[in-house]
């Protein structure tokens, strides 16, 4: 099946709203899939502030690394999208189905305002 072409109205909406709306909400509003929104956002070079935030990457209870998503991706030898996937509900469901559910990777955002 050939993907539905993006209209100028959809592109404008994406540009105006990508910073403050989740991809899933944009997908619902535009009647598109999560993957379609994510792909178009990348093609347009639209990035969110989370790209600059720091995260802690754990395996089981062991801290593996702290850094931005790009730094964590470099550390793990994977793409940044893989690191982002670790924070999704889909990844958590996948891990829960394993024989050893506690064996997955966990990504935690580190907030500046934690005292």
PDB file of N, CA and C in Angstrom:
ATOM      1  N   UNK A   1       0.847  -1.184   0.000  1.00  0.00           N
ATOM      2  CA  UNK A   1       0.000   0.000   0.000  1.00  0.00           C
ATOM      3  C   UNK A   1       0.887   1.240   0.000  1.00  0.00           C
ATOM      4  N   UNK A   2       0.594   2.134  -0.905  1.00  0.00           N
ATOM      5  CA  UNK A   2       1.363   3.368  -1.025  1.00  0.00           C
ATOM      6  C   UNK A   2       0.935   4.368   0.049  1.00  0.00           C
ATOM      7  N   UNK A   3       1.923   5.009   0.712  1.00  0.00           N
ATOM      8  CA  UNK A   3       1.568   5.971   1.765  1.00  0.00           C
ATOM      9  C   UNK A   3       0.792   7.165   1.210  1.00  0.00           C
ATOM     10  N   UNK A   4      -0.083   7.690   2.045  1.00  0.00           N
ATOM     11  CA  UNK A   4      -0.874   8.865   1.686  1.00  0.00           C
ATOM     12  C   UNK A   4       0.044  10.091   1.639  1.00  0.00           C
ATOM     13  N   UNK A   5       0.020  10.853   0.532  1.00  0.00           N
ATOM     14  CA  UNK A   5       0.869  12.053   0.467  1.00  0.00           C
ATOM     15  C   UNK A   5       0.469  13.084   1.524  1.00  0.00           C
ATOM     16  N   UNK A   6       1.453  13.832   1.992  1.00  0.00           N
ATOM     17  CA  UNK A   6       1.213  14.880   2.977  1.00  0.00           C
ATOM     18  C   UNK A   6       0.702  16.129   2.273  1.00  0.00           C
ATOM     19  N   UNK A   7      -0.341  16.727   2.848  1.00  0.00           N
ATOM     20  CA  UNK A   7      -0.859  17.989   2.308  1.00  0.00           C
ATOM     21  C   UNK A   7      -0.103  19.147   2.956  1.00  0.00           C
ATOM     22  N   UNK A   8      -0.188  20.312   2.329  1.00  0.00           N
ATOM     23  CA  UNK A   8       0.459  21.499   2.895  1.00  0.00           C
ATOM     24  C   UNK A   8      -0.171  21.855   4.245  1.00  0.00           C
ATOM     25  N   UNK A   9      -1.476  21.627   4.374  1.00  0.00           N
ATOM     26  CA  UNK A   9      -2.167  21.906   5.635  1.00  0.00           C
ATOM     27  C   UNK A   9      -1.628  21.012   6.756  1.00  0.00           C
ATOM     28  N   UNK A  10      -1.401  19.730   6.453  1.00  0.00           N
ATOM     29  CA  UNK A  10      -0.861  18.802   7.446  1.00  0.00           C
ATOM     30  C   UNK A  10       0.569  19.177   7.837  1.00  0.00           C
ATOM     31  N   UNK A  11       1.361  19.537   6.851  1.00  0.00           N
ATOM     32  CA  UNK A  11       2.754  19.927   7.101  1.00  0.00           C
ATOM     33  C   UNK A  11       2.796  21.173   7.977  1.00  0.00           C
ATOM     34  N   UNK A  12       1.941  22.138   7.674  1.00  0.00           N
ATOM     35  CA  UNK A  12       1.880  23.357   8.484  1.00  0.00           C
ATOM     36  C   UNK A  12       1.485  23.026   9.920  1.00  0.00           C
ATOM     37  N   UNK A  13       0.473  22.160  10.084  1.00  0.00           N
ATOM     38  CA  UNK A  13       0.029  21.777  11.421  1.00  0.00           C
ATOM     39  C   UNK A  13       1.155  21.093  12.188  1.00  0.00           C
ATOM     40  N   UNK A  14       1.880  20.209  11.521  1.00  0.00           N
ATOM     41  CA  UNK A  14       2.995  19.514  12.161  1.00  0.00           C
ATOM     42  C   UNK A  14       4.065  20.509  12.607  1.00  0.00           C
ATOM     43  N   UNK A  15       4.428  21.450  11.744  1.00  0.00           N
ATOM     44  CA  UNK A  15       5.438  22.459  12.091  1.00  0.00           C
ATOM     45  C   UNK A  15       5.020  23.294  13.302  1.00  0.00           C
ATOM     46  N   UNK A  16       3.739  23.621  13.355  1.00  0.00           N
ATOM     47  CA  UNK A  16       3.247  24.490  14.422  1.00  0.00           C
ATOM     48  C   UNK A  16       3.059  23.762  15.752  1.00  0.00           C
ATOM     49  N   UNK A  17       2.919  22.443  15.723  1.00  0.00           N
ATOM     50  CA  UNK A  17       2.528  21.721  16.933  1.00  0.00           C
ATOM     51  C   UNK A  17       3.488  20.649  17.427  1.00  0.00           C
ATOM     52  N   UNK A  18       4.530  20.328  16.667  1.00  0.00           N
ATOM     53  CA  UNK A  18       5.384  19.198  17.043  1.00  0.00           C
ATOM     54  C   UNK A  18       6.110  19.411  18.373  1.00  0.00           C
ATOM     55  N   UNK A  19       6.383  20.644  18.760  1.00  0.00           N
ATOM     56  CA  UNK A  19       7.138  20.893  19.994  1.00  0.00           C
ATOM     57  C   UNK A  19       6.321  20.638  21.256  1.00  0.00           C
ATOM     58  N   UNK A  20       5.021  20.830  21.183  1.00  0.00           N
ATOM     59  CA  UNK A  20       4.221  20.705  22.399  1.00  0.00           C
ATOM     60  C   UNK A  20       3.181  19.584  22.357  1.00  0.00           C
ATOM     61  N   UNK A  21       3.173  18.787  21.295  1.00  0.00           N
ATOM     62  CA  UNK A  21       2.241  17.656  21.224  1.00  0.00           C
ATOM     63  C   UNK A  21       3.010  16.352  21.066  1.00  0.00           C
ATOM     64  N   UNK A  22       2.496  15.295  21.676  1.00  0.00           N
ATOM     65  CA  UNK A  22       3.104  13.980  21.510  1.00  0.00           C
ATOM     66  C   UNK A  22       2.817  13.468  20.101  1.00  0.00           C
ATOM     67  N   UNK A  23       3.684  12.610  19.617  1.00  0.00           N
ATOM     68  CA  UNK A  23       3.504  12.052  18.280  1.00  0.00           C
ATOM     69  C   UNK A  23       2.160  11.329  18.181  1.00  0.00           C
ATOM     70  N   UNK A  24       1.798  10.590  19.223  1.00  0.00           N
ATOM     71  CA  UNK A  24       0.529   9.856  19.186  1.00  0.00           C
ATOM     72  C   UNK A  24      -0.667  10.809  19.081  1.00  0.00           C
ATOM     73  N   UNK A  25      -0.585  11.964  19.744  1.00  0.00           N
ATOM     74  CA  UNK A  25      -1.669  12.952  19.657  1.00  0.00           C
ATOM     75  C   UNK A  25      -1.717  13.588  18.272  1.00  0.00           C
ATOM     76  N   UNK A  26      -0.546  13.869  17.713  1.00  0.00           N
ATOM     77  CA  UNK A  26      -0.494  14.400  16.344  1.00  0.00           C
ATOM     78  C   UNK A  26      -1.079  13.389  15.364  1.00  0.00           C
ATOM     79  N   UNK A  27      -0.760  12.114  15.563  1.00  0.00           N
ATOM     80  CA  UNK A  27      -1.265  11.059  14.678  1.00  0.00           C
ATOM     81  C   UNK A  27      -2.792  10.997  14.743  1.00  0.00           C
ATOM     82  N   UNK A  28      -3.342  11.072  15.942  1.00  0.00           N
ATOM     83  CA  UNK A  28      -4.801  11.058  16.097  1.00  0.00           C
ATOM     84  C   UNK A  28      -5.434  12.266  15.401  1.00  0.00           C
ATOM     85  N   UNK A  29      -4.868  13.428  15.638  1.00  0.00           N
ATOM     86  CA  UNK A  29      -5.425  14.665  15.076  1.00  0.00           C
ATOM     87  C   UNK A  29      -5.374  14.668  13.546  1.00  0.00           C
ATOM     88  N   UNK A  30      -4.264  14.151  12.975  1.00  0.00           N
ATOM     89  CA  UNK A  30      -4.086  14.186  11.524  1.00  0.00           C
ATOM     90  C   UNK A  30      -4.578  12.920  10.824  1.00  0.00           C
ATOM     91  N   UNK A  31      -5.018  11.938  11.609  1.00  0.00           N
ATOM     92  CA  UNK A  31      -5.496  10.697  10.999  1.00  0.00           C
ATOM     93  C   UNK A  31      -4.384   9.905  10.334  1.00  0.00           C
ATOM     94  N   UNK A  32      -3.219   9.912  10.969  1.00  0.00           N
ATOM     95  CA  UNK A  32      -2.048   9.210  10.439  1.00  0.00           C
ATOM     96  C   UNK A  32      -1.484   8.288  11.507  1.00  0.00           C
ATOM     97  N   UNK A  33      -0.567   7.429  11.093  1.00  0.00           N
ATOM     98  CA  UNK A  33       0.048   6.525  12.049  1.00  0.00           C
ATOM     99  C   UNK A  33       1.176   7.233  12.792  1.00  0.00           C
ATOM    100  N   UNK A  34       1.545   6.642  13.928  1.00  0.00           N
ATOM    101  CA  UNK A  34       2.685   7.133  14.705  1.00  0.00           C
ATOM    102  C   UNK A  34       3.923   7.176  13.810  1.00  0.00           C
ATOM    103  N   UNK A  35       4.161   6.103  13.074  1.00  0.00           N
ATOM    104  CA  UNK A  35       5.335   6.016  12.204  1.00  0.00           C
ATOM    105  C   UNK A  35       5.346   7.079  11.125  1.00  0.00           C
ATOM    106  N   UNK A  36       4.187   7.382  10.582  1.00  0.00           N
ATOM    107  CA  UNK A  36       4.086   8.413   9.544  1.00  0.00           C
ATOM    108  C   UNK A  36       4.480   9.781  10.096  1.00  0.00           C
ATOM    109  N   UNK A  37       3.975  10.104  11.280  1.00  0.00           N
ATOM    110  CA  UNK A  37       4.303  11.395  11.913  1.00  0.00           C
ATOM    111  C   UNK A  37       5.794  11.449  12.232  1.00  0.00           C
ATOM    112  N   UNK A  38       6.305  10.387  12.832  1.00  0.00           N
ATOM    113  CA  UNK A  38       7.718  10.344  13.212  1.00  0.00           C
ATOM    114  C   UNK A  38       8.611  10.497  11.979  1.00  0.00           C
ATOM    115  N   UNK A  39       8.294   9.777  10.925  1.00  0.00           N
ATOM    116  CA  UNK A  39       9.087   9.824   9.694  1.00  0.00           C
ATOM    117  C   UNK A  39       9.058  11.218   9.058  1.00  0.00           C
ATOM    118  N   UNK A  40       7.869  11.803   8.969  1.00  0.00           N
ATOM    119  CA  UNK A  40       7.751  13.133   8.364  1.00  0.00           C
ATOM    120  C   UNK A  40       8.492  14.176   9.190  1.00  0.00           C
ATOM    121  N   UNK A  41       8.394  14.050  10.505  1.00  0.00           N
ATOM    122  CA  UNK A  41       9.105  14.987  11.388  1.00  0.00           C
ATOM    123  C   UNK A  41      10.613  14.910  11.145  1.00  0.00           C
ATOM    124  N   UNK A  42      11.121  13.696  11.003  1.00  0.00           N
ATOM    125  CA  UNK A  42      12.555  13.528  10.731  1.00  0.00           C
ATOM    126  C   UNK A  42      12.930  14.116   9.372  1.00  0.00           C
ATOM    127  N   UNK A  43      12.108  13.852   8.354  1.00  0.00           N
ATOM    128  CA  UNK A  43      12.380  14.377   7.009  1.00  0.00           C
ATOM    129  C   UNK A  43      12.437  15.902   7.014  1.00  0.00           C
ATOM    130  N   UNK A  44      11.609  16.511   7.866  1.00  0.00           N
ATOM    131  CA  UNK A  44      11.545  17.969   7.934  1.00  0.00           C
ATOM    132  C   UNK A  44      12.601  18.551   8.877  1.00  0.00           C
ATOM    133  N   UNK A  45      13.327  17.691   9.565  1.00  0.00           N
ATOM    134  CA  UNK A  45      14.365  18.165  10.487  1.00  0.00           C
ATOM    135  C   UNK A  45      13.814  18.788  11.752  1.00  0.00           C
ATOM    136  N   UNK A  46      12.619  18.380  12.150  1.00  0.00           N
ATOM    137  CA  UNK A  46      11.987  18.929  13.348  1.00  0.00           C
ATOM    138  C   UNK A  46      12.393  18.091  14.549  1.00  0.00           C
ATOM    139  N   UNK A  47      13.066  18.713  15.503  1.00  0.00           N
ATOM    140  CA  UNK A  47      13.494  17.992  16.702  1.00  0.00           C
ATOM    141  C   UNK A  47      12.866  18.639  17.926  1.00  0.00           C
ATOM    142  N   UNK A  48      12.735  17.868  18.973  1.00  0.00           N
ATOM    143  CA  UNK A  48      12.156  18.365  20.214  1.00  0.00           C
ATOM    144  C   UNK A  48      13.248  18.699  21.207  1.00  0.00           C
ATOM    145  N   UNK A  49      12.858  19.385  22.261  1.00  0.00           N
ATOM    146  CA  UNK A  49      13.802  19.759  23.314  1.00  0.00           C
ATOM    147  C   UNK A  49      14.376  18.547  24.029  1.00  0.00           C
ATOM    148  N   UNK A  50      13.653  17.415  24.007  1.00  0.00           N
ATOM    149  CA  UNK A  50      14.169  16.257  24.720  1.00  0.00           C
ATOM    150  C   UNK A  50      15.495  15.788  24.156  1.00  0.00           C
ATOM    151  N   UNK A  51      15.823  16.215  22.941  1.00  0.00           N
ATOM    152  CA  UNK A  51      17.105  15.839  22.362  1.00  0.00           C
ATOM    153  C   UNK A  51      18.263  16.373  23.196  1.00  0.00           C
ATOM    154  N   UNK A  52      18.019  17.418  23.985  1.00  0.00           N
ATOM    155  CA  UNK A  52      19.066  18.041  24.788  1.00  0.00           C
ATOM    156  C   UNK A  52      19.016  17.608  26.256  1.00  0.00           C
ATOM    157  N   UNK A  53      17.970  16.900  26.643  1.00  0.00           N
ATOM    158  CA  UNK A  53      17.820  16.467  28.031  1.00  0.00           C
ATOM    159  C   UNK A  53      18.762  15.320  28.356  1.00  0.00           C
ATOM    160  N   UNK A  54      18.984  15.133  29.646  1.00  0.00           N
ATOM    161  CA  UNK A  54      19.822  14.015  30.081  1.00  0.00           C
ATOM    162  C   UNK A  54      18.951  12.865  30.565  1.00  0.00           C
ATOM    163  N   UNK A  55      19.434  11.674  30.294  1.00  0.00           N
ATOM    164  CA  UNK A  55      18.733  10.446  30.661  1.00  0.00           C
ATOM    165  C   UNK A  55      19.708   9.498  31.328  1.00  0.00           C
ATOM    166  N   UNK A  56      19.148   8.605  32.147  1.00  0.00           N
ATOM    167  CA  UNK A  56      19.930   7.519  32.736  1.00  0.00           C
ATOM    168  C   UNK A  56      19.462   6.231  32.079  1.00  0.00           C
ATOM    169  N   UNK A  57      20.407   5.409  31.667  1.00  0.00           N
ATOM    170  CA  UNK A  57      20.111   4.146  31.013  1.00  0.00           C
ATOM    171  C   UNK A  57      20.501   3.007  31.948  1.00  0.00           C
ATOM    172  N   UNK A  58      19.536   2.167  32.274  1.00  0.00           N
ATOM    173  CA  UNK A  58      19.753   1.055  33.199  1.00  0.00           C
ATOM    174  C   UNK A  58      19.510  -0.271  32.504  1.00  0.00           C
ATOM    175  N   UNK A  59      20.214  -1.290  32.962  1.00  0.00           N
ATOM    176  CA  UNK A  59      19.878  -2.667  32.622  1.00  0.00           C
ATOM    177  C   UNK A  59      19.728  -3.374  33.950  1.00  0.00           C
ATOM    178  N   UNK A  60      18.533  -3.932  34.176  1.00  0.00           N
ATOM    179  CA  UNK A  60      18.172  -4.450  35.497  1.00  0.00           C
ATOM    180  C   UNK A  60      18.292  -3.298  36.488  1.00  0.00           C
ATOM    181  N   UNK A  61      19.064  -3.431  37.536  1.00  0.00           N
ATOM    182  CA  UNK A  61      19.261  -2.344  38.495  1.00  0.00           C
ATOM    183  C   UNK A  61      20.607  -1.656  38.322  1.00  0.00           C
ATOM    184  N   UNK A  62      21.322  -1.995  37.255  1.00  0.00           N
ATOM    185  CA  UNK A  62      22.660  -1.451  37.032  1.00  0.00           C
ATOM    186  C   UNK A  62      22.617  -0.232  36.122  1.00  0.00           C
ATOM    187  N   UNK A  63      23.198   0.868  36.589  1.00  0.00           N
ATOM    188  CA  UNK A  63      23.310   2.069  35.772  1.00  0.00           C
ATOM    189  C   UNK A  63      24.359   1.822  34.695  1.00  0.00           C
ATOM    190  N   UNK A  64      23.959   1.977  33.437  1.00  0.00           N
ATOM    191  CA  UNK A  64      24.890   1.777  32.332  1.00  0.00           C
ATOM    192  C   UNK A  64      25.586   3.077  31.931  1.00  0.00           C
ATOM    193  N   UNK A  65      24.786   4.150  31.821  1.00  0.00           N
ATOM    194  CA  UNK A  65      25.353   5.402  31.310  1.00  0.00           C
ATOM    195  C   UNK A  65      24.361   6.540  31.548  1.00  0.00           C
ATOM    196  N   UNK A  66      24.869   7.759  31.615  1.00  0.00           N
ATOM    197  CA  UNK A  66      24.038   8.960  31.711  1.00  0.00           C
ATOM    198  C   UNK A  66      24.458   9.878  30.571  1.00  0.00           C
ATOM    199  N   UNK A  67      23.466  10.468  29.899  1.00  0.00           N
ATOM    200  CA  UNK A  67      23.773  11.397  28.817  1.00  0.00           C
ATOM    201  C   UNK A  67      22.538  11.721  28.000  1.00  0.00           C
ATOM    202  N   UNK A  68      22.748  12.463  26.916  1.00  0.00           N
ATOM    203  CA  UNK A  68      21.651  12.774  26.001  1.00  0.00           C
ATOM    204  C   UNK A  68      21.300  11.504  25.224  1.00  0.00           C
ATOM    205  N   UNK A  69      20.212  11.554  24.506  1.00  0.00           N
ATOM    206  CA  UNK A  69      19.830  10.375  23.715  1.00  0.00           C
ATOM    207  C   UNK A  69      20.912  10.040  22.689  1.00  0.00           C
ATOM    208  N   UNK A  70      21.500  11.061  22.093  1.00  0.00           N
ATOM    209  CA  UNK A  70      22.577  10.827  21.122  1.00  0.00           C
ATOM    210  C   UNK A  70      23.781  10.172  21.790  1.00  0.00           C
ATOM    211  N   UNK A  71      24.140  10.640  22.969  1.00  0.00           N
ATOM    212  CA  UNK A  71      25.273  10.055  23.688  1.00  0.00           C
ATOM    213  C   UNK A  71      24.993   8.614  24.098  1.00  0.00           C
ATOM    214  N   UNK A  72      23.765   8.353  24.548  1.00  0.00           N
ATOM    215  CA  UNK A  72      23.395   6.992  24.933  1.00  0.00           C
ATOM    216  C   UNK A  72      23.397   6.061  23.723  1.00  0.00           C
ATOM    217  N   UNK A  73      22.945   6.573  22.585  1.00  0.00           N
ATOM    218  CA  UNK A  73      22.955   5.771  21.361  1.00  0.00           C
ATOM    219  C   UNK A  73      24.387   5.422  20.963  1.00  0.00           C
ATOM    220  N   UNK A  74      25.268   6.398  21.045  1.00  0.00           N
ATOM    221  CA  UNK A  74      26.676   6.147  20.722  1.00  0.00           C
ATOM    222  C   UNK A  74      27.283   5.128  21.688  1.00  0.00           C
ATOM    223  N   UNK A  75      26.976   5.261  22.957  1.00  0.00           N
ATOM    224  CA  UNK A  75      27.466   4.341  23.977  1.00  0.00           C
ATOM    225  C   UNK A  75      27.017   2.905  23.694  1.00  0.00           C
ATOM    226  N   UNK A  76      25.732   2.744  23.319  1.00  0.00           N
ATOM    227  CA  UNK A  76      25.176   1.408  23.066  1.00  0.00           C
ATOM    228  C   UNK A  76      25.471   0.899  21.659  1.00  0.00           C
ATOM    229  N   UNK A  77      25.918   1.795  20.769  1.00  0.00           N
ATOM    230  CA  UNK A  77      26.165   1.398  19.385  1.00  0.00           C
ATOM    231  C   UNK A  77      24.881   1.167  18.600  1.00  0.00           C
ATOM    232  N   UNK A  78      23.865   1.978  18.916  1.00  0.00           N
ATOM    233  CA  UNK A  78      22.568   1.868  18.253  1.00  0.00           C
ATOM    234  C   UNK A  78      22.132   3.252  17.764  1.00  0.00           C
ATOM    235  N   UNK A  79      21.037   3.283  17.033  1.00  0.00           N
ATOM    236  CA  UNK A  79      20.493   4.566  16.585  1.00  0.00           C
ATOM    237  C   UNK A  79      19.750   5.251  17.729  1.00  0.00           C
ATOM    238  N   UNK A  80      19.604   6.566  17.622  1.00  0.00           N
ATOM    239  CA  UNK A  80      18.900   7.344  18.644  1.00  0.00           C
ATOM    240  C   UNK A  80      17.449   6.875  18.788  1.00  0.00           C
ATOM    241  N   UNK A  81      16.832   6.450  17.707  1.00  0.00           N
ATOM    242  CA  UNK A  81      15.456   5.980  17.747  1.00  0.00           C
ATOM    243  C   UNK A  81      15.314   4.730  18.623  1.00  0.00           C
ATOM    244  N   UNK A  82      16.372   3.927  18.680  1.00  0.00           N
ATOM    245  CA  UNK A  82      16.351   2.740  19.541  1.00  0.00           C
ATOM    246  C   UNK A  82      16.300   3.164  21.000  1.00  0.00           C
ATOM    247  N   UNK A  83      17.086   4.173  21.354  1.00  0.00           N
ATOM    248  CA  UNK A  83      17.073   4.688  22.724  1.00  0.00           C
ATOM    249  C   UNK A  83      15.692   5.249  23.048  1.00  0.00           C
ATOM    250  N   UNK A  84      15.100   5.982  22.122  1.00  0.00           N
ATOM    251  CA  UNK A  84      13.763   6.528  22.328  1.00  0.00           C
ATOM    252  C   UNK A  84      12.748   5.404  22.522  1.00  0.00           C
ATOM    253  N   UNK A  85      12.919   4.315  21.789  1.00  0.00           N
ATOM    254  CA  UNK A  85      12.002   3.173  21.882  1.00  0.00           C
ATOM    255  C   UNK A  85      11.992   2.578  23.283  1.00  0.00           C
ATOM    256  N   UNK A  86      13.121   2.620  23.978  1.00  0.00           N
ATOM    257  CA  UNK A  86      13.196   2.065  25.334  1.00  0.00           C
ATOM    258  C   UNK A  86      12.215   2.747  26.289  1.00  0.00           C
ATOM    259  N   UNK A  87      11.764   3.944  25.968  1.00  0.00           N
ATOM    260  CA  UNK A  87      10.855   4.686  26.851  1.00  0.00           C
ATOM    261  C   UNK A  87       9.388   4.505  26.469  1.00  0.00           C
ATOM    262  N   UNK A  88       9.101   3.729  25.430  1.00  0.00           N
ATOM    263  CA  UNK A  88       7.730   3.607  24.952  1.00  0.00           C
ATOM    264  C   UNK A  88       6.947   2.518  25.681  1.00  0.00           C
ATOM    265  N   UNK A  89       5.624   2.660  25.737  1.00  0.00           N
ATOM    266  CA  UNK A  89       4.792   1.601  26.306  1.00  0.00           C
ATOM    267  C   UNK A  89       4.931   0.284  25.539  1.00  0.00           C
ATOM    268  N   UNK A  90       5.136   0.367  24.230  1.00  0.00           N
ATOM    269  CA  UNK A  90       5.290  -0.847  23.418  1.00  0.00           C
ATOM    270  C   UNK A  90       6.505  -1.656  23.874  1.00  0.00           C
ATOM    271  N   UNK A  91       7.603  -0.977  24.164  1.00  0.00           N
ATOM    272  CA  UNK A  91       8.801  -1.678  24.634  1.00  0.00           C
ATOM    273  C   UNK A  91       8.555  -2.296  26.013  1.00  0.00           C
ATOM    274  N   UNK A  92       7.894  -1.554  26.888  1.00  0.00           N
ATOM    275  CA  UNK A  92       7.622  -2.087  28.231  1.00  0.00           C
ATOM    276  C   UNK A  92       6.732  -3.331  28.162  1.00  0.00           C
ATOM    277  N   UNK A  93       5.725  -3.320  27.272  1.00  0.00           N
ATOM    278  CA  UNK A  93       4.870  -4.504  27.103  1.00  0.00           C
ATOM    279  C   UNK A  93       5.682  -5.680  26.580  1.00  0.00           C
ATOM    280  N   UNK A  94       6.568  -5.396  25.668  1.00  0.00           N
ATOM    281  CA  UNK A  94       7.410  -6.452  25.095  1.00  0.00           C
ATOM    282  C   UNK A  94       8.280  -7.097  26.174  1.00  0.00           C
ATOM    283  N   UNK A  95       8.853  -6.280  27.036  1.00  0.00           N
ATOM    284  CA  UNK A  95       9.707  -6.780  28.117  1.00  0.00           C
ATOM    285  C   UNK A  95       8.887  -7.595  29.114  1.00  0.00           C
ATOM    286  N   UNK A  96       7.672  -7.138  29.415  1.00  0.00           N
ATOM    287  CA  UNK A  96       6.817  -7.846  30.366  1.00  0.00           C
ATOM    288  C   UNK A  96       6.467  -9.258  29.904  1.00  0.00           C
ATOM    289  N   UNK A  97       6.449  -9.478  28.594  1.00  0.00           N
ATOM    290  CA  UNK A  97       6.113 -10.787  28.044  1.00  0.00           C
ATOM    291  C   UNK A  97       7.271 -11.775  28.126  1.00  0.00           C
ATOM    292  N   UNK A  98       8.466 -11.296  28.384  1.00  0.00           N
ATOM    293  CA  UNK A  98       9.629 -12.176  28.482  1.00  0.00           C
ATOM    294  C   UNK A  98       9.546 -13.081  29.708  1.00  0.00           C
ATOM    295  N   UNK A  99      10.310 -14.179  29.660  1.00  0.00           N
ATOM    296  CA  UNK A  99      10.393 -15.073  30.820  1.00  0.00           C
ATOM    297  C   UNK A  99      11.012 -14.369  32.015  1.00  0.00           C
ATOM    298  N   UNK A 100      11.915 -13.433  31.746  1.00  0.00           N
ATOM    299  CA  UNK A 100      12.592 -12.677  32.803  1.00  0.00           C
ATOM    300  C   UNK A 100      12.294 -11.193  32.580  1.00  0.00           C
ATOM    301  N   UNK A 101      11.108 -10.721  32.997  1.00  0.00           N
ATOM    302  CA  UNK A 101      10.694  -9.354  32.685  1.00  0.00           C
ATOM    303  C   UNK A 101      11.618  -8.255  33.199  1.00  0.00           C
ATOM    304  N   UNK A 102      12.392  -8.495  34.220  1.00  0.00           N
ATOM    305  CA  UNK A 102      13.274  -7.474  34.756  1.00  0.00           C
ATOM    306  C   UNK A 102      14.581  -7.341  33.996  1.00  0.00           C
ATOM    307  N   UNK A 103      14.718  -8.044  32.883  1.00  0.00           N
ATOM    308  CA  UNK A 103      16.001  -8.075  32.177  1.00  0.00           C
ATOM    309  C   UNK A 103      16.141  -7.014  31.086  1.00  0.00           C
ATOM    310  N   UNK A 104      15.177  -6.140  30.938  1.00  0.00           N
ATOM    311  CA  UNK A 104      15.227  -5.159  29.861  1.00  0.00           C
ATOM    312  C   UNK A 104      16.011  -3.912  30.203  1.00  0.00           C
ATOM    313  N   UNK A 105      16.131  -3.065  29.220  1.00  0.00           N
ATOM    314  CA  UNK A 105      16.768  -1.758  29.365  1.00  0.00           C
ATOM    315  C   UNK A 105      15.701  -0.775  29.840  1.00  0.00           C
ATOM    316  N   UNK A 106      16.069   0.118  30.750  1.00  0.00           N
ATOM    317  CA  UNK A 106      15.162   1.151  31.241  1.00  0.00           C
ATOM    318  C   UNK A 106      15.791   2.510  30.992  1.00  0.00           C
ATOM    319  N   UNK A 107      14.993   3.420  30.445  1.00  0.00           N
ATOM    320  CA  UNK A 107      15.442   4.784  30.189  1.00  0.00           C
ATOM    321  C   UNK A 107      14.671   5.715  31.107  1.00  0.00           C
ATOM    322  N   UNK A 108      15.399   6.519  31.883  1.00  0.00           N
ATOM    323  CA  UNK A 108      14.769   7.457  32.821  1.00  0.00           C
ATOM    324  C   UNK A 108      15.294   8.857  32.546  1.00  0.00           C
ATOM    325  N   UNK A 109      14.350   9.787  32.375  1.00  0.00           N
ATOM    326  CA  UNK A 109      14.731  11.182  32.168  1.00  0.00           C
ATOM    327  C   UNK A 109      15.142  11.792  33.488  1.00  0.00           C
ATOM    328  N   UNK A 110      16.255  12.508  33.480  1.00  0.00           N
ATOM    329  CA  UNK A 110      16.740  13.177  34.681  1.00  0.00           C
ATOM    330  C   UNK A 110      16.280  14.630  34.628  1.00  0.00           C
ATOM    331  N   UNK A 111      15.490  15.032  35.610  1.00  0.00           N
ATOM    332  CA  UNK A 111      14.975  16.395  35.649  1.00  0.00           C
ATOM    333  C   UNK A 111      15.935  17.300  36.394  1.00  0.00           C
ATOM    334  N   UNK A 112      16.063  18.514  35.906  1.00  0.00           N
ATOM    335  CA  UNK A 112      16.927  19.500  36.552  1.00  0.00           C
ATOM    336  C   UNK A 112      16.355  19.975  37.875  1.00  0.00           C
ATOM    337  N   UNK A 113      15.026  19.901  38.009  1.00  0.00           N
ATOM    338  CA  UNK A 113      14.394  20.498  39.185  1.00  0.00           C
ATOM    339  C   UNK A 113      14.207  19.536  40.345  1.00  0.00           C
ATOM    340  N   UNK A 114      14.808  18.363  40.300  1.00  0.00           N
ATOM    341  CA  UNK A 114      14.717  17.433  41.428  1.00  0.00           C
ATOM    342  C   UNK A 114      15.681  17.882  42.512  1.00  0.00           C
ATOM    343  N   UNK A 115      15.178  18.007  43.719  1.00  0.00           N
ATOM    344  CA  UNK A 115      16.031  18.486  44.822  1.00  0.00           C
ATOM    345  C   UNK A 115      16.617  17.324  45.592  1.00  0.00           C
TER     346      UNK A 115
END
